[in-house]
N, C-alpha and C. Protein backbone atom coordinates (compact mmCIF):
# COMPACT_ATOMS: atom_id res chain seq x y z
N MET A 1 95.80 81.77 51.53
CA MET A 1 94.50 81.22 51.26
C MET A 1 93.50 82.50 51.16
N ILE A 2 92.69 82.03 50.50
CA ILE A 2 91.50 82.81 50.12
C ILE A 2 90.17 82.76 51.11
N GLY A 3 89.91 83.88 51.36
CA GLY A 3 88.68 83.65 52.58
C GLY A 3 87.17 82.98 51.88
N PHE A 4 86.67 82.70 52.92
CA PHE A 4 85.65 82.02 52.72
C PHE A 4 84.63 83.21 51.71
N ASN A 5 84.26 84.46 52.18
CA ASN A 5 83.68 85.14 51.57
C ASN A 5 84.11 85.24 50.34
N ALA A 6 85.59 85.19 49.63
CA ALA A 6 85.51 85.56 48.35
C ALA A 6 85.40 84.61 47.60
N LEU A 7 84.54 83.31 47.82
CA LEU A 7 84.50 82.18 46.88
C LEU A 7 82.75 82.30 46.41
N ILE A 8 82.02 83.29 47.43
CA ILE A 8 80.69 83.27 47.53
C ILE A 8 80.60 84.12 45.94
N PRO A 9 79.58 83.39 45.32
CA PRO A 9 79.69 84.32 44.04
C PRO A 9 78.00 85.74 44.48
N ARG A 10 78.64 86.55 43.56
CA ARG A 10 77.51 87.65 43.96
C ARG A 10 77.08 88.45 42.45
N PRO A 11 75.97 88.63 42.99
CA PRO A 11 75.49 89.71 41.62
C PRO A 11 76.14 90.57 41.11
N PRO A 12 75.89 90.89 39.73
CA PRO A 12 76.65 92.15 39.30
C PRO A 12 76.08 93.13 39.60
N LEU A 13 77.06 94.26 39.88
CA LEU A 13 76.61 95.71 40.26
C LEU A 13 75.86 96.29 38.85
N PRO A 14 74.83 97.10 39.32
CA PRO A 14 74.51 97.47 37.94
C PRO A 14 75.27 99.06 37.67
N ALA A 15 75.03 99.36 36.22
CA ALA A 15 76.07 100.06 35.69
C ALA A 15 76.26 101.35 36.29
N GLY A 16 77.67 101.74 36.78
CA GLY A 16 78.11 103.06 37.08
C GLY A 16 77.81 102.79 38.62
N GLU A 17 77.38 102.00 39.08
CA GLU A 17 77.77 101.68 40.95
C GLU A 17 78.66 100.55 41.15
N GLY A 18 80.05 101.11 41.18
CA GLY A 18 81.09 100.18 41.57
C GLY A 18 81.42 100.93 43.03
N GLU A 19 82.10 99.98 44.16
CA GLU A 19 82.53 99.83 45.27
C GLU A 19 83.26 101.67 45.08
N ALA A 20 83.93 101.88 44.32
CA ALA A 20 84.63 103.13 44.46
C ALA A 20 83.70 104.14 44.06
N SER A 21 82.88 104.17 43.25
CA SER A 21 81.97 105.42 43.27
C SER A 21 81.62 106.42 43.87
N LEU A 22 81.76 107.61 43.89
CA LEU A 22 80.83 108.42 44.92
C LEU A 22 79.15 109.28 44.66
N PRO A 23 78.49 109.06 45.55
CA PRO A 23 77.60 109.67 44.95
C PRO A 23 77.08 110.99 44.40
N PRO A 24 76.69 111.42 43.59
CA PRO A 24 76.54 112.51 42.53
C PRO A 24 76.61 113.82 43.56
N SER A 25 76.27 113.87 45.00
CA SER A 25 76.17 115.08 46.04
C SER A 25 77.39 115.19 46.57
N ALA A 26 78.25 114.41 46.55
CA ALA A 26 79.66 114.12 47.27
C ALA A 26 80.72 114.41 46.52
N GLU A 27 80.44 114.42 45.13
CA GLU A 27 81.61 114.78 44.36
C GLU A 27 82.15 116.42 44.28
N GLY A 28 83.09 116.71 45.08
CA GLY A 28 83.69 118.07 45.00
C GLY A 28 83.30 118.58 46.48
N GLU A 29 82.84 118.03 47.69
CA GLU A 29 82.86 118.46 48.82
C GLU A 29 83.49 118.09 49.82
N VAL A 30 84.64 118.60 49.31
CA VAL A 30 86.10 118.05 49.96
C VAL A 30 85.96 118.51 51.31
N GLY A 31 86.18 117.67 52.45
CA GLY A 31 86.55 118.34 53.76
C GLY A 31 84.88 118.88 54.50
N VAL A 32 84.28 118.27 54.09
CA VAL A 32 82.30 118.54 54.34
C VAL A 32 82.35 117.74 55.48
N ARG A 33 82.73 116.41 55.89
CA ARG A 33 82.36 115.48 56.72
C ARG A 33 83.29 115.98 57.69
N VAL A 34 83.90 116.82 58.18
CA VAL A 34 84.61 117.00 59.32
C VAL A 34 83.46 117.19 60.25
N ASN A 35 84.15 116.58 61.77
CA ASN A 35 82.99 116.89 62.88
C ASN A 35 83.64 117.20 63.49
N LEU A 36 83.53 118.98 63.82
CA LEU A 36 83.87 120.08 64.46
C LEU A 36 83.85 119.86 66.04
N ASN A 37 83.17 118.46 66.35
CA ASN A 37 82.89 118.52 67.76
C ASN A 37 83.70 117.38 68.26
N ALA A 38 84.69 116.77 67.19
CA ALA A 38 85.54 115.48 68.18
C ALA A 38 86.67 116.40 68.69
N LYS A 39 86.92 115.04 69.14
CA LYS A 39 88.15 115.15 70.13
C LYS A 39 89.50 115.62 69.37
N SER A 40 89.53 114.78 68.16
CA SER A 40 90.83 114.66 67.46
C SER A 40 90.72 116.40 66.90
N PHE A 41 89.82 117.32 66.86
CA PHE A 41 89.74 118.48 66.02
C PHE A 41 89.91 119.74 67.37
N GLN A 42 89.13 119.09 68.36
CA GLN A 42 89.39 119.71 70.07
C GLN A 42 90.56 119.93 70.17
N GLU A 43 91.81 118.80 70.25
CA GLU A 43 93.11 118.76 70.63
C GLU A 43 93.88 119.61 69.54
N LEU A 44 93.34 119.50 68.01
CA LEU A 44 94.18 120.26 67.02
C LEU A 44 94.10 121.65 67.52
N VAL A 45 92.97 122.43 67.86
CA VAL A 45 93.02 123.66 68.64
C VAL A 45 93.49 123.77 69.16
N LEU A 46 93.37 123.43 70.52
CA LEU A 46 94.44 123.27 71.77
C LEU A 46 95.83 123.20 71.02
N TYR A 47 96.60 122.28 70.23
CA TYR A 47 97.61 122.46 70.22
C TYR A 47 98.22 123.72 68.93
N PHE A 48 97.17 124.35 68.53
CA PHE A 48 97.52 125.11 67.87
C PHE A 48 97.47 126.56 68.34
N LEU A 49 96.78 127.06 69.77
CA LEU A 49 97.02 128.04 70.57
C LEU A 49 98.23 127.68 71.53
N ARG A 50 98.34 126.47 71.74
CA ARG A 50 99.53 126.40 72.57
C ARG A 50 100.80 127.01 71.97
N GLU A 51 100.90 126.26 70.69
CA GLU A 51 102.09 126.91 69.78
C GLU A 51 101.94 128.13 69.38
N ARG A 52 101.23 128.97 69.09
CA ARG A 52 100.87 129.96 68.43
C ARG A 52 100.87 131.30 69.98
N ILE A 53 100.31 131.13 70.65
CA ILE A 53 100.33 131.99 72.01
C ILE A 53 101.01 131.80 73.03
N THR A 54 101.25 130.32 73.19
CA THR A 54 102.01 130.20 74.45
C THR A 54 103.72 130.34 74.11
N HIS A 55 103.67 129.77 72.91
CA HIS A 55 104.96 129.42 72.35
C HIS A 55 105.46 130.30 71.25
N GLY A 56 104.91 131.20 70.75
CA GLY A 56 104.64 132.54 69.77
C GLY A 56 105.31 131.79 68.58
N ASN A 57 104.93 130.52 68.08
CA ASN A 57 105.52 130.11 67.21
C ASN A 57 104.22 130.61 65.97
N LEU A 58 105.56 131.62 64.55
CA LEU A 58 104.57 131.87 64.06
C LEU A 58 105.16 131.18 62.68
N ALA A 59 105.61 130.20 62.65
CA ALA A 59 106.23 129.23 61.35
C ALA A 59 105.30 127.82 61.26
N VAL A 60 103.87 127.66 61.75
CA VAL A 60 102.98 127.04 61.57
C VAL A 60 102.23 127.32 60.07
N LYS A 61 102.29 126.18 59.29
CA LYS A 61 101.75 126.40 57.64
C LYS A 61 100.50 125.39 57.94
N HIS A 62 100.73 124.31 58.33
CA HIS A 62 99.17 123.64 57.80
C HIS A 62 99.04 122.75 59.37
N LEU A 63 98.10 122.28 59.36
CA LEU A 63 97.28 121.82 60.81
C LEU A 63 96.88 120.56 59.85
N ILE A 64 96.99 118.92 60.40
CA ILE A 64 96.77 117.73 59.88
C ILE A 64 95.88 116.79 61.22
N ILE A 65 94.89 116.08 60.61
CA ILE A 65 94.52 115.58 61.58
C ILE A 65 93.66 114.15 60.88
N THR A 66 93.71 113.23 61.27
CA THR A 66 93.09 111.97 60.56
C THR A 66 92.57 110.72 61.52
N ASN A 67 92.09 110.02 60.62
CA ASN A 67 91.04 109.10 61.44
C ASN A 67 91.68 107.80 60.88
N ILE A 68 92.47 107.56 60.59
CA ILE A 68 93.08 106.62 59.92
C ILE A 68 92.53 106.71 58.40
N TYR A 69 91.38 106.48 57.78
CA TYR A 69 90.89 106.50 56.82
C TYR A 69 90.59 107.63 56.08
N GLU A 70 91.14 108.82 56.61
CA GLU A 70 90.84 110.04 55.87
C GLU A 70 92.26 110.94 56.63
N TRP A 71 92.00 111.91 55.37
CA TRP A 71 93.24 113.10 56.26
C TRP A 71 92.80 114.16 55.60
N PHE A 72 92.85 115.12 56.92
CA PHE A 72 92.08 116.45 56.58
C PHE A 72 93.03 117.25 56.83
N VAL A 73 93.62 118.49 56.28
CA VAL A 73 94.87 119.45 56.02
C VAL A 73 94.30 120.46 55.81
N PHE A 74 94.59 121.47 56.92
CA PHE A 74 93.93 122.55 57.28
C PHE A 74 94.74 123.80 57.11
N ASP A 75 94.59 124.77 56.55
CA ASP A 75 95.72 125.64 56.33
C ASP A 75 95.95 126.32 57.74
N SER A 76 96.99 127.01 58.27
CA SER A 76 96.93 127.69 59.67
C SER A 76 96.39 129.17 59.33
N ALA A 77 96.44 129.97 58.37
CA ALA A 77 95.30 131.15 57.97
C ALA A 77 93.98 130.95 58.47
N VAL A 78 93.34 129.82 58.28
CA VAL A 78 91.92 129.51 58.73
C VAL A 78 91.68 129.57 60.10
N PHE A 79 93.04 129.01 60.84
CA PHE A 79 92.89 128.90 62.50
C PHE A 79 93.37 129.71 62.93
N GLU A 80 94.23 130.93 62.40
CA GLU A 80 94.39 132.13 62.91
C GLU A 80 93.41 132.67 62.72
N LYS A 81 92.52 132.80 61.86
CA LYS A 81 91.41 133.94 62.06
C LYS A 81 90.33 133.59 62.86
N ALA A 82 89.88 132.08 62.94
CA ALA A 82 89.13 131.28 63.65
C ALA A 82 89.16 131.45 65.13
N PHE A 83 90.62 131.30 65.74
CA PHE A 83 91.05 130.94 66.76
C PHE A 83 91.69 131.84 67.54
N ALA A 84 92.80 132.38 66.84
CA ALA A 84 94.00 132.86 67.58
C ALA A 84 93.37 134.51 67.48
N GLN A 85 93.03 134.95 66.63
CA GLN A 85 92.25 136.55 66.75
C GLN A 85 91.02 136.79 67.30
N ASN A 86 90.45 135.51 67.84
CA ASN A 86 89.25 135.52 68.83
C ASN A 86 89.61 135.95 70.33
N LYS A 87 89.18 137.16 70.40
CA LYS A 87 90.12 137.56 71.55
C LYS A 87 89.37 137.03 72.85
N ALA A 88 87.89 136.65 73.25
CA ALA A 88 87.47 136.03 74.03
C ALA A 88 88.03 134.55 74.47
N LEU A 89 88.08 133.50 73.02
CA LEU A 89 88.80 132.85 73.02
C LEU A 89 90.44 132.66 73.73
N VAL A 90 90.65 133.75 73.13
CA VAL A 90 92.52 133.75 73.65
C VAL A 90 92.31 134.24 75.22
N LYS A 91 92.00 134.82 75.34
CA LYS A 91 91.40 135.42 77.04
C LYS A 91 91.09 133.99 77.86
N ASP A 92 90.43 133.34 77.36
CA ASP A 92 89.97 132.13 77.85
C ASP A 92 90.80 130.90 78.06
N PHE A 93 91.67 130.86 76.77
CA PHE A 93 92.94 130.09 76.84
C PHE A 93 94.01 130.52 77.98
N LYS A 94 94.15 131.86 77.63
CA LYS A 94 95.24 132.02 78.72
C LYS A 94 95.01 131.88 80.06
N ALA A 95 93.72 132.16 80.63
CA ALA A 95 93.26 132.01 81.86
C ALA A 95 93.28 130.32 82.27
N PHE A 96 93.30 129.65 81.27
CA PHE A 96 93.26 127.97 81.44
C PHE A 96 94.45 127.55 81.89
């Protein structure tokens, strides 16, 4: 069954403005939209610190989060430099 909205005629889109096209400023900006204060990112940092510090797991290579529509893959070296080598954060994590 075809939905009602599929039968409504729509004006044609201007040239170069398809539904899948990106604005010129967004091309090549992969990962810019990551909200670093989102709960999923905070949990990812927590899970990384648990694996790296509490369990001593050095085999973590990539970290992945998703919001169902977009997937963000991080290299573990970035998290190692930003979080695992941050002495104040590690001290607070161990106290936690």
